C-alpha atoms as a PDB file:
ATOM      1  CA  UNK A   1      22.669  25.094  87.217  1.00  0.00           C
ATOM      2  CA  UNK A   2      26.021  25.919  85.620  1.00  0.00           C
ATOM      3  CA  UNK A   3      26.375  22.295  84.504  1.00  0.00           C
ATOM      4  CA  UNK A   4      22.913  22.357  82.905  1.00  0.00           C
ATOM      5  CA  UNK A   5      23.685  25.670  81.240  1.00  0.00           C
ATOM      6  CA  UNK A   6      26.851  24.238  79.694  1.00  0.00           C
ATOM      7  CA  UNK A   7      24.918  21.233  78.372  1.00  0.00           C
ATOM      8  CA  UNK A   8      22.276  23.526  76.873  1.00  0.00           C
ATOM      9  CA  UNK A   9      24.917  25.642  75.152  1.00  0.00           C
ATOM     10  CA  UNK A  10      26.576  22.523  73.693  1.00  0.00           C
ATOM     11  CA  UNK A  11      23.248  21.259  72.337  1.00  0.00           C
ATOM     12  CA  UNK A  12      22.535  24.626  70.742  1.00  0.00           C
ATOM     13  CA  UNK A  13      25.979  24.723  69.127  1.00  0.00           C
ATOM     14  CA  UNK A  14      25.568  21.212  67.755  1.00  0.00           C
ATOM     15  CA  UNK A  15      22.112  22.058  66.375  1.00  0.00           C
ATOM     16  CA  UNK A  16      23.440  25.215  64.772  1.00  0.00           C
ATOM     17  CA  UNK A  17      26.365  23.417  63.153  1.00  0.00           C
ATOM     18  CA  UNK A  18      24.063  20.685  61.852  1.00  0.00           C
ATOM     19  CA  UNK A  19      21.751  23.276  60.306  1.00  0.00           C
ATOM     20  CA  UNK A  20      24.694  24.969  58.602  1.00  0.00           C
ATOM     21  CA  UNK A  21      25.818  21.642  57.138  1.00  0.00           C
ATOM     22  CA  UNK A  22      22.338  20.846  55.849  1.00  0.00           C
ATOM     23  CA  UNK A  23      22.008  24.307  54.376  1.00  0.00           C
ATOM     24  CA  UNK A  24      25.329  23.964  52.576  1.00  0.00           C
ATOM     25  CA  UNK A  25      24.259  20.586  51.131  1.00  0.00           C
ATOM     26  CA  UNK A  26      21.019  22.129  49.930  1.00  0.00           C
ATOM     27  CA  UNK A  27      22.889  24.875  48.117  1.00  0.00           C
ATOM     28  CA  UNK A  28      25.196  22.372  46.470  1.00  0.00           C
ATOM     29  CA  UNK A  29      22.170  20.371  45.197  1.00  0.00           C
ATOM     30  CA  UNK A  30      21.015  23.326  43.100  1.00  0.00           C
ATOM     31  CA  UNK A  31      22.789  24.034  39.799  1.00  0.00           C
ATOM     32  CA  UNK A  32      23.073  27.752  40.707  1.00  0.00           C
ATOM     33  CA  UNK A  33      21.916  30.246  43.316  1.00  0.00           C
ATOM     34  CA  UNK A  34      19.825  33.218  42.176  1.00  0.00           C
ATOM     35  CA  UNK A  35      19.933  36.609  43.866  1.00  0.00           C
ATOM     36  CA  UNK A  36      16.863  38.594  42.901  1.00  0.00           C
ATOM     37  CA  UNK A  37      17.262  42.351  42.501  1.00  0.00           C
ATOM     38  CA  UNK A  38      14.112  44.414  42.101  1.00  0.00           C
ATOM     39  CA  UNK A  39      14.131  46.407  38.876  1.00  0.00           C
ATOM     40  CA  UNK A  40      12.137  49.194  37.302  1.00  0.00           C
ATOM     41  CA  UNK A  41      11.779  47.424  33.954  1.00  0.00           C
ATOM     42  CA  UNK A  42       8.012  47.530  34.075  1.00  0.00           C
ATOM     43  CA  UNK A  43       5.606  44.737  33.289  1.00  0.00           C
ATOM     44  CA  UNK A  44       6.815  42.357  30.568  1.00  0.00           C
ATOM     45  CA  UNK A  45       5.852  38.931  29.244  1.00  0.00           C
ATOM     46  CA  UNK A  46       8.612  36.804  30.665  1.00  0.00           C
ATOM     47  CA  UNK A  47       7.301  33.257  30.191  1.00  0.00           C
ATOM     48  CA  UNK A  48       9.815  32.386  27.462  1.00  0.00           C
ATOM     49  CA  UNK A  49      12.731  34.479  28.750  1.00  0.00           C
ATOM     50  CA  UNK A  50      13.689  32.729  31.965  1.00  0.00           C
ATOM     51  CA  UNK A  51      16.064  29.774  31.932  1.00  0.00           C
ATOM     52  CA  UNK A  52      15.180  27.121  34.455  1.00  0.00           C
ATOM     53  CA  UNK A  53      17.281  24.377  35.952  1.00  0.00           C
ATOM     54  CA  UNK A  54      15.033  21.783  34.307  1.00  0.00           C
ATOM     55  CA  UNK A  55      15.911  23.080  30.845  1.00  0.00           C
ATOM     56  CA  UNK A  56      19.612  23.106  31.607  1.00  0.00           C
ATOM     57  CA  UNK A  57      19.642  19.604  33.078  1.00  0.00           C
ATOM     58  CA  UNK A  58      17.259  18.002  30.553  1.00  0.00           C
ATOM     59  CA  UNK A  59      18.469  14.493  29.790  1.00  0.00           C
ATOM     60  CA  UNK A  60      20.080  13.785  26.421  1.00  0.00           C
ATOM     61  CA  UNK A  61      18.606  11.165  24.078  1.00  0.00           C
ATOM     62  CA  UNK A  62      20.632   8.382  22.487  1.00  0.00           C
ATOM     63  CA  UNK A  63      20.916   8.708  18.674  1.00  0.00           C
ATOM     64  CA  UNK A  64      21.546   4.958  18.407  1.00  0.00           C
ATOM     65  CA  UNK A  65      18.372   4.128  20.321  1.00  0.00           C
ATOM     66  CA  UNK A  66      16.353   6.551  18.200  1.00  0.00           C
ATOM     67  CA  UNK A  67      17.793   4.921  15.054  1.00  0.00           C
ATOM     68  CA  UNK A  68      16.846   1.409  16.198  1.00  0.00           C
ATOM     69  CA  UNK A  69      13.361   2.438  17.334  1.00  0.00           C
ATOM     70  CA  UNK A  70      12.522   3.923  13.928  1.00  0.00           C
ATOM     71  CA  UNK A  71      14.187   1.043  12.111  1.00  0.00           C
ATOM     72  CA  UNK A  72      11.755  -1.334  13.800  1.00  0.00           C
ATOM     73  CA  UNK A  73       8.671   0.924  13.775  1.00  0.00           C
ATOM     74  CA  UNK A  74       8.954   4.083  11.625  1.00  0.00           C
ATOM     75  CA  UNK A  75       8.298   7.229  13.653  1.00  0.00           C
ATOM     76  CA  UNK A  76       9.084   5.714  17.055  1.00  0.00           C
ATOM     77  CA  UNK A  77      12.565   7.244  17.094  1.00  0.00           C
ATOM     78  CA  UNK A  78      11.112  10.692  16.472  1.00  0.00           C
ATOM     79  CA  UNK A  79       8.519  10.209  19.222  1.00  0.00           C
ATOM     80  CA  UNK A  80      11.334   9.047  21.530  1.00  0.00           C
ATOM     81  CA  UNK A  81      12.995  12.444  21.089  1.00  0.00           C
ATOM     82  CA  UNK A  82       9.686  14.286  21.489  1.00  0.00           C
ATOM     83  CA  UNK A  83       9.156  15.096  17.792  1.00  0.00           C
ATOM     84  CA  UNK A  84       5.434  14.667  17.159  1.00  0.00           C
ATOM     85  CA  UNK A  85       5.833  14.424  13.385  1.00  0.00           C
ATOM     86  CA  UNK A  86       6.968  10.846  13.999  1.00  0.00           C
ATOM     87  CA  UNK A  87       3.286   9.948  13.685  1.00  0.00           C
ATOM     88  CA  UNK A  88       3.542  10.814   9.973  1.00  0.00           C
ATOM     89  CA  UNK A  89       6.119   8.071   9.452  1.00  0.00           C
ATOM     90  CA  UNK A  90       3.944   5.616  11.367  1.00  0.00           C
ATOM     91  CA  UNK A  91       0.848   6.554   9.354  1.00  0.00           C
ATOM     92  CA  UNK A  92       2.794   6.188   6.094  1.00  0.00           C
ATOM     93  CA  UNK A  93       3.970   2.745   7.183  1.00  0.00           C
ATOM     94  CA  UNK A  94       0.413   1.630   7.923  1.00  0.00           C
ATOM     95  CA  UNK A  95      -0.749   2.950   4.549  1.00  0.00           C
ATOM     96  CA  UNK A  96       2.064   1.271   2.581  1.00  0.00           C
ATOM     97  CA  UNK A  97       1.629  -2.086   4.296  1.00  0.00           C
ATOM     98  CA  UNK A  98      -2.169  -2.003   3.999  1.00  0.00           C
ATOM     99  CA  UNK A  99      -1.879  -1.265   0.264  1.00  0.00           C
ATOM    100  CA  UNK A 100       0.679  -4.054  -0.142  1.00  0.00           C
ATOM    101  CA  UNK A 101      -1.537  -6.670   1.488  1.00  0.00           C
ATOM    102  CA  UNK A 102      -4.630  -5.541  -0.419  1.00  0.00           C
ATOM    103  CA  UNK A 103      -2.830  -5.679  -3.781  1.00  0.00           C
ATOM    104  CA  UNK A 104      -1.166  -8.996  -3.011  1.00  0.00           C
ATOM    105  CA  UNK A 105      -4.485 -10.543  -2.018  1.00  0.00           C
ATOM    106  CA  UNK A 106      -6.096  -9.244  -5.207  1.00  0.00           C
ATOM    107  CA  UNK A 107      -3.223 -10.601  -7.312  1.00  0.00           C
ATOM    108  CA  UNK A 108      -3.467 -14.005  -5.641  1.00  0.00           C
ATOM    109  CA  UNK A 109      -7.195 -14.167  -6.380  1.00  0.00           C
ATOM    110  CA  UNK A 110      -6.635 -13.224 -10.043  1.00  0.00           C
ATOM    111  CA  UNK A 111      -3.887 -15.842 -10.331  1.00  0.00           C
ATOM    112  CA  UNK A 112      -6.230 -18.492  -8.937  1.00  0.00           C
ATOM    113  CA  UNK A 113      -8.865 -17.429 -11.495  1.00  0.00           C
ATOM    114  CA  UNK A 114      -6.577 -17.908 -14.485  1.00  0.00           C
ATOM    115  CA  UNK A 115      -5.335 -21.261 -13.164  1.00  0.00           C
ATOM    116  CA  UNK A 116      -8.946 -22.361 -12.759  1.00  0.00           C
ATOM    117  CA  UNK A 117      -9.556 -21.522 -16.433  1.00  0.00           C
ATOM    118  CA  UNK A 118      -6.560 -23.655 -17.370  1.00  0.00           C
ATOM    119  CA  UNK A 119      -7.876 -26.590 -15.345  1.00  0.00           C
ATOM    120  CA  UNK A 120     -11.364 -26.272 -16.810  1.00  0.00           C
ATOM    121  CA  UNK A 121     -10.468 -25.917 -20.505  1.00  0.00           C
ATOM    122  CA  UNK A 122      -7.183 -27.751 -21.061  1.00  0.00           C
ATOM    123  CA  UNK A 123      -7.694 -31.332 -22.276  1.00  0.00           C
ATOM    124  CA  UNK A 124      -5.050 -34.025 -21.961  1.00  0.00           C
ATOM    125  CA  UNK A 125      -4.059 -36.332 -24.802  1.00  0.00           C
ATOM    126  CA  UNK A 126      -3.728 -39.652 -23.048  1.00  0.00           C
ATOM    127  CA  UNK A 127      -2.366 -39.746 -19.517  1.00  0.00           C
ATOM    128  CA  UNK A 128      -1.828 -36.476 -17.716  1.00  0.00           C
ATOM    129  CA  UNK A 129      -2.674 -34.686 -14.466  1.00  0.00           C
ATOM    130  CA  UNK A 130      -2.534 -31.113 -13.208  1.00  0.00           C
ATOM    131  CA  UNK A 131      -1.201 -32.439  -9.919  1.00  0.00           C
ATOM    132  CA  UNK A 132       2.172 -33.021 -11.609  1.00  0.00           C
ATOM    133  CA  UNK A 133       2.347 -29.513 -13.061  1.00  0.00           C
ATOM    134  CA  UNK A 134       4.661 -26.860 -11.720  1.00  0.00           C
ATOM    135  CA  UNK A 135       2.266 -24.264 -10.202  1.00  0.00           C
ATOM    136  CA  UNK A 136       4.127 -21.363 -11.824  1.00  0.00           C
ATOM    137  CA  UNK A 137       5.950 -22.451 -14.950  1.00  0.00           C
ATOM    138  CA  UNK A 138       3.535 -24.995 -16.432  1.00  0.00           C
ATOM    139  CA  UNK A 139       0.358 -22.988 -15.857  1.00  0.00           C
ATOM    140  CA  UNK A 140       1.992 -19.919 -17.391  1.00  0.00           C
ATOM    141  CA  UNK A 141       3.094 -21.931 -20.443  1.00  0.00           C
ATOM    142  CA  UNK A 142      -0.434 -23.210 -20.866  1.00  0.00           C
ATOM    143  CA  UNK A 143      -1.667 -19.623 -21.287  1.00  0.00           C
ATOM    144  CA  UNK A 144       0.930 -18.955 -24.014  1.00  0.00           C
ATOM    145  CA  UNK A 145       0.396 -21.900 -26.338  1.00  0.00           C
ATOM    146  CA  UNK A 146      -2.566 -23.713 -27.874  1.00  0.00           C
ATOM    147  CA  UNK A 147      -0.962 -27.157 -27.569  1.00  0.00           C
ATOM    148  CA  UNK A 148       1.776 -28.995 -25.679  1.00  0.00           C
ATOM    149  CA  UNK A 149       3.951 -29.126 -28.816  1.00  0.00           C
ATOM    150  CA  UNK A 150       6.074 -25.965 -28.742  1.00  0.00           C
ATOM    151  CA  UNK A 151       9.776 -25.251 -28.998  1.00  0.00           C
ATOM    152  CA  UNK A 152      10.434 -23.911 -25.500  1.00  0.00           C
ATOM    153  CA  UNK A 153       9.609 -27.046 -23.526  1.00  0.00           C
ATOM    154  CA  UNK A 154      12.268 -29.664 -22.875  1.00  0.00           C
ATOM    155  CA  UNK A 155      11.608 -33.396 -22.959  1.00  0.00           C
ATOM    156  CA  UNK A 156      11.636 -33.461 -19.160  1.00  0.00           C
ATOM    157  CA  UNK A 157       8.962 -30.756 -19.111  1.00  0.00           C
ATOM    158  CA  UNK A 158       6.799 -32.626 -21.617  1.00  0.00           C
ATOM    159  CA  UNK A 159       7.065 -35.782 -19.539  1.00  0.00           C
ATOM    160  CA  UNK A 160       5.905 -33.846 -16.466  1.00  0.00           C
ATOM    161  CA  UNK A 161       3.031 -31.989 -18.080  1.00  0.00           C
ATOM    162  CA  UNK A 162       1.895 -34.667 -20.514  1.00  0.00           C
ATOM    163  CA  UNK A 163       0.338 -33.877 -23.902  1.00  0.00           C
ATOM    164  CA  UNK A 164      -2.507 -31.347 -23.825  1.00  0.00           C
ATOM    165  CA  UNK A 165      -4.457 -28.806 -25.900  1.00  0.00           C
ATOM    166  CA  UNK A 166      -7.140 -26.146 -25.388  1.00  0.00           C
ATOM    167  CA  UNK A 167     -10.614 -27.566 -25.766  1.00  0.00           C
ATOM    168  CA  UNK A 168     -12.012 -24.831 -28.046  1.00  0.00           C
ATOM    169  CA  UNK A 169      -9.576 -25.426 -30.936  1.00  0.00           C
ATOM    170  CA  UNK A 170     -10.089 -28.044 -33.636  1.00  0.00           C
ATOM    171  CA  UNK A 171      -9.136 -31.446 -32.109  1.00  0.00           C
ATOM    172  CA  UNK A 172      -7.476 -32.401 -35.390  1.00  0.00           C
ATOM    173  CA  UNK A 173      -4.810 -29.753 -34.658  1.00  0.00           C
ATOM    174  CA  UNK A 174      -3.927 -31.081 -31.206  1.00  0.00           C
ATOM    175  CA  UNK A 175      -0.651 -32.673 -32.365  1.00  0.00           C
ATOM    176  CA  UNK A 176       0.524 -29.755 -34.492  1.00  0.00           C
ATOM    177  CA  UNK A 177       3.169 -27.346 -33.297  1.00  0.00           C
ATOM    178  CA  UNK A 178       2.018 -24.112 -31.763  1.00  0.00           C
ATOM    179  CA  UNK A 179       3.880 -22.021 -34.354  1.00  0.00           C
ATOM    180  CA  UNK A 180       2.109 -23.733 -37.225  1.00  0.00           C
ATOM    181  CA  UNK A 181      -1.283 -23.168 -35.621  1.00  0.00           C
ATOM    182  CA  UNK A 182      -0.430 -19.512 -34.997  1.00  0.00           C
ATOM    183  CA  UNK A 183       0.634 -19.047 -38.631  1.00  0.00           C
ATOM    184  CA  UNK A 184      -2.819 -20.213 -39.666  1.00  0.00           C
ATOM    185  CA  UNK A 185      -4.340 -17.442 -37.545  1.00  0.00           C
ATOM    186  CA  UNK A 186      -5.907 -19.894 -35.119  1.00  0.00           C
ATOM    187  CA  UNK A 187      -6.007 -19.182 -31.385  1.00  0.00           C
ATOM    188  CA  UNK A 188      -7.982 -20.345 -28.398  1.00  0.00           C
ATOM    189  CA  UNK A 189     -10.301 -17.717 -26.884  1.00  0.00           C
ATOM    190  CA  UNK A 190     -10.168 -19.597 -23.607  1.00  0.00           C
ATOM    191  CA  UNK A 191      -6.376 -19.386 -23.642  1.00  0.00           C
ATOM    192  CA  UNK A 192      -6.458 -15.655 -24.382  1.00  0.00           C
ATOM    193  CA  UNK A 193      -8.855 -15.123 -21.461  1.00  0.00           C
ATOM    194  CA  UNK A 194      -6.512 -17.000 -19.114  1.00  0.00           C
ATOM    195  CA  UNK A 195      -3.518 -15.114 -20.544  1.00  0.00           C
ATOM    196  CA  UNK A 196      -5.118 -11.718 -19.844  1.00  0.00           C
ATOM    197  CA  UNK A 197      -5.887 -12.729 -16.254  1.00  0.00           C
ATOM    198  CA  UNK A 198      -2.324 -13.941 -15.786  1.00  0.00           C
ATOM    199  CA  UNK A 199      -0.982 -10.592 -17.000  1.00  0.00           C
ATOM    200  CA  UNK A 200      -3.291  -8.758 -14.593  1.00  0.00           C
ATOM    201  CA  UNK A 201      -2.094 -10.932 -11.717  1.00  0.00           C
ATOM    202  CA  UNK A 202       1.573 -10.321 -12.558  1.00  0.00           C
ATOM    203  CA  UNK A 203       1.045  -6.554 -12.881  1.00  0.00           C
ATOM    204  CA  UNK A 204      -0.779  -6.451  -9.536  1.00  0.00           C
ATOM    205  CA  UNK A 205       1.985  -8.451  -7.864  1.00  0.00           C
ATOM    206  CA  UNK A 206       4.469  -5.931  -9.228  1.00  0.00           C
ATOM    207  CA  UNK A 207       2.523  -2.997  -7.777  1.00  0.00           C
ATOM    208  CA  UNK A 208       2.320  -4.824  -4.428  1.00  0.00           C
ATOM    209  CA  UNK A 209       6.120  -5.244  -4.412  1.00  0.00           C
ATOM    210  CA  UNK A 210       6.464  -1.524  -5.150  1.00  0.00           C
ATOM    211  CA  UNK A 211       4.493  -0.580  -2.019  1.00  0.00           C
ATOM    212  CA  UNK A 212       6.441  -3.117   0.021  1.00  0.00           C
ATOM    213  CA  UNK A 213       9.597  -1.384  -1.172  1.00  0.00           C
ATOM    214  CA  UNK A 214       8.162   1.967  -0.080  1.00  0.00           C
ATOM    215  CA  UNK A 215       7.480   0.513   3.372  1.00  0.00           C
ATOM    216  CA  UNK A 216      11.085  -0.712   3.657  1.00  0.00           C
ATOM    217  CA  UNK A 217      12.371   2.660   2.440  1.00  0.00           C
ATOM    218  CA  UNK A 218      10.171   4.371   5.024  1.00  0.00           C
ATOM    219  CA  UNK A 219      11.917   2.338   7.749  1.00  0.00           C
ATOM    220  CA  UNK A 220      15.357   3.419   6.552  1.00  0.00           C
ATOM    221  CA  UNK A 221      14.516   7.112   6.060  1.00  0.00           C
ATOM    222  CA  UNK A 222      12.749   7.304   9.418  1.00  0.00           C
ATOM    223  CA  UNK A 223      15.684   5.659  11.204  1.00  0.00           C
ATOM    224  CA  UNK A 224      18.304   7.951   9.626  1.00  0.00           C
ATOM    225  CA  UNK A 225      16.187  11.064  10.206  1.00  0.00           C
ATOM    226  CA  UNK A 226      15.571  10.063  13.841  1.00  0.00           C
ATOM    227  CA  UNK A 227      19.317   9.794  14.439  1.00  0.00           C
ATOM    228  CA  UNK A 228      19.954  13.195  12.859  1.00  0.00           C
ATOM    229  CA  UNK A 229      17.108  14.783  14.819  1.00  0.00           C
ATOM    230  CA  UNK A 230      18.383  13.356  18.104  1.00  0.00           C
ATOM    231  CA  UNK A 231      21.880  14.722  17.495  1.00  0.00           C
ATOM    232  CA  UNK A 232      20.454  18.139  16.635  1.00  0.00           C
ATOM    233  CA  UNK A 233      18.320  18.220  19.803  1.00  0.00           C
ATOM    234  CA  UNK A 234      21.287  17.169  21.959  1.00  0.00           C
ATOM    235  CA  UNK A 235      23.458  19.865  20.390  1.00  0.00           C
ATOM    236  CA  UNK A 236      20.792  22.488  21.098  1.00  0.00           C
ATOM    237  CA  UNK A 237      20.536  21.385  24.740  1.00  0.00           C
ATOM    238  CA  UNK A 238      24.312  21.511  25.149  1.00  0.00           C
ATOM    239  CA  UNK A 239      24.391  24.998  23.643  1.00  0.00           C
ATOM    240  CA  UNK A 240      21.637  26.124  26.022  1.00  0.00           C
ATOM    241  CA  UNK A 241      23.491  24.694  29.002  1.00  0.00           C
ATOM    242  CA  UNK A 242      26.701  26.452  27.942  1.00  0.00           C
ATOM    243  CA  UNK A 243      24.892  29.785  27.712  1.00  0.00           C
ATOM    244  CA  UNK A 244      23.421  29.244  31.179  1.00  0.00           C
ATOM    245  CA  UNK A 245      26.905  28.707  32.637  1.00  0.00           C
ATOM    246  CA  UNK A 246      28.404  31.855  31.107  1.00  0.00           C
ATOM    247  CA  UNK A 247      25.509  34.260  31.572  1.00  0.00           C
ATOM    248  CA  UNK A 248      25.672  36.352  34.721  1.00  0.00           C
ATOM    249  CA  UNK A 249      22.428  38.284  34.452  1.00  0.00           C
ATOM    250  CA  UNK A 250      19.047  37.088  33.266  1.00  0.00           C
ATOM    251  CA  UNK A 251      15.384  38.071  33.321  1.00  0.00           C
ATOM    252  CA  UNK A 252      13.258  35.896  35.577  1.00  0.00           C
ATOM    253  CA  UNK A 253       9.963  35.926  37.456  1.00  0.00           C
ATOM    254  CA  UNK A 254       9.836  36.630  41.146  1.00  0.00           C
ATOM    255  CA  UNK A 255       6.885  35.719  43.363  1.00  0.00           C
ATOM    256  CA  UNK A 256       5.937  38.079  46.152  1.00  0.00           C
ATOM    257  CA  UNK A 257       5.723  35.918  49.290  1.00  0.00           C
ATOM    258  CA  UNK A 258       3.072  38.183  50.853  1.00  0.00           C
ATOM    259  CA  UNK A 259       0.687  38.812  47.956  1.00  0.00           C
ATOM    260  CA  UNK A 260       1.449  35.786  45.749  1.00  0.00           C
ATOM    261  CA  UNK A 261       1.785  37.980  42.635  1.00  0.00           C
ATOM    262  CA  UNK A 262       4.646  37.745  40.113  1.00  0.00           C
ATOM    263  CA  UNK A 263       6.793  40.591  38.828  1.00  0.00           C
ATOM    264  CA  UNK A 264       9.765  41.064  36.536  1.00  0.00           C
ATOM    265  CA  UNK A 265      13.179  40.984  38.141  1.00  0.00           C
ATOM    266  CA  UNK A 266      16.842  41.026  37.151  1.00  0.00           C
ATOM    267  CA  UNK A 267      18.508  37.890  38.431  1.00  0.00           C
ATOM    268  CA  UNK A 268      22.190  37.643  39.297  1.00  0.00           C
ATOM    269  CA  UNK A 269      23.243  34.020  38.847  1.00  0.00           C
ATOM    270  CA  UNK A 270      26.487  32.864  40.424  1.00  0.00           C
ATOM    271  CA  UNK A 271      27.774  29.294  40.630  1.00  0.00           C
ATOM    272  CA  UNK A 272      29.295  28.169  43.938  1.00  0.00           C
END
């Protein structure tokens, strides 16, 4: 009996020591221990007054990651930090890019229209083919002059384009210089129609480039603002954590274990 009693006592001591060790580990896992003291402060709205361990230990965000996220997709850096207004940057990006593609498509169609007018109404003198023309330079020149014979073209250009004139001018003028024809007050209506379309295409391309520039600028502004916002949020969290470490008393909510109701309480917080 005495031997069994000694064994029982040893087991109890070991169990008790193990429980103390586990309890001490549990206390160390918490950022602080709160001692609740009942107060006579009366009923108050305390939802925004208590400081929880989750707020103190909230993870910091990387400013560099936020910068890169918004640099790739505007607004993503803000959403990464929890700032919902990041959707505004994303919406602006969608709007700018959609406008750019719409304008560029319209400009391309207008450019094709004026080139079609050139192909339909420019007549070659002898050998010549539009397949040899430069798609930008030669078609634009054709909308500026009534004939091939003008001062701005080099011999190499004339060899490439061949000799040509607009079909609605007098064929007897096809070998005269453009300046001489212009001085006589003669111009091709077909050329003027193609010229107006070319100007519209160029103006529309310019507006499309403007919106593309806005989209690029939106990337940069969003990325820089995301970095600044992340630093500001991190600084606020660090300030909150510092206040939690220095504050000894706080207002918190205590739950009655018997009734399940909550009541205001003064909390003494002490780090161990």
